[in-house]
């Protein structure tokens, strides 16, 4: 049985722009599903390389400089805020005095009936009573039971702080007092004195710190430097 066979074409059919593969009768090779284009990696030349080391060291040096500057500022503030020997305490107003001043009472000593308002830092007292309205001042190289070692004066315009703040202030005044070598020869205690509400209204602005001997008039030298 004869069948009609179509003649063989002279050239393979073309579809679109697919390239021909010479020397083969088969149809064109199928196109790949995806193509990834890549270029060979080119290393930068010596003049194109980025050097990050200088930038790192610059940032490091800036950090160090800032840290040092901050430390110096903190040190300056701390030094300026440290209380001095004869200046106001850091926690409030008032003039602190711990240095020896000329005696408030006229010579010669001993002298009886000296009022507390006339006491001066460095004065020595015989039979001392902090509640008394008058005391006996004696030379510090003779027997005495107390010595005024520090005092703080509030301004006249200051308002009454209250008993507890004044008590705390008196403790600060005693802590600020500086004692000399003679203080080690005796058994001493600190004793504080501060205004009451009534005495404040009368003009009393003093906070005093004394060193006292419980055994009586056994101190025979000044305990201040």
Foldseek 3Di string as FASTA:
>chain_A
DDDDDDDDDPADDDDDPQDDDPPDRDDGDDDDPDDDDDDDDDDDDPVPDDDCVVVVVVVVVVVVVVVVVVVVVVVVVVVVQDDDLFQADNPDDWTKHQDFDPQLDDDDDFDWFAAPVSGTAFWFFAPDDLPDRITTTGPLQFFGFKGWGMKIFGDQPDDDPDDVVLVVVLVVSVVSGDWDPLVVVADKDKDWDADDPVVVVVPDGMITIMIGHPVGRPRRHGGHD
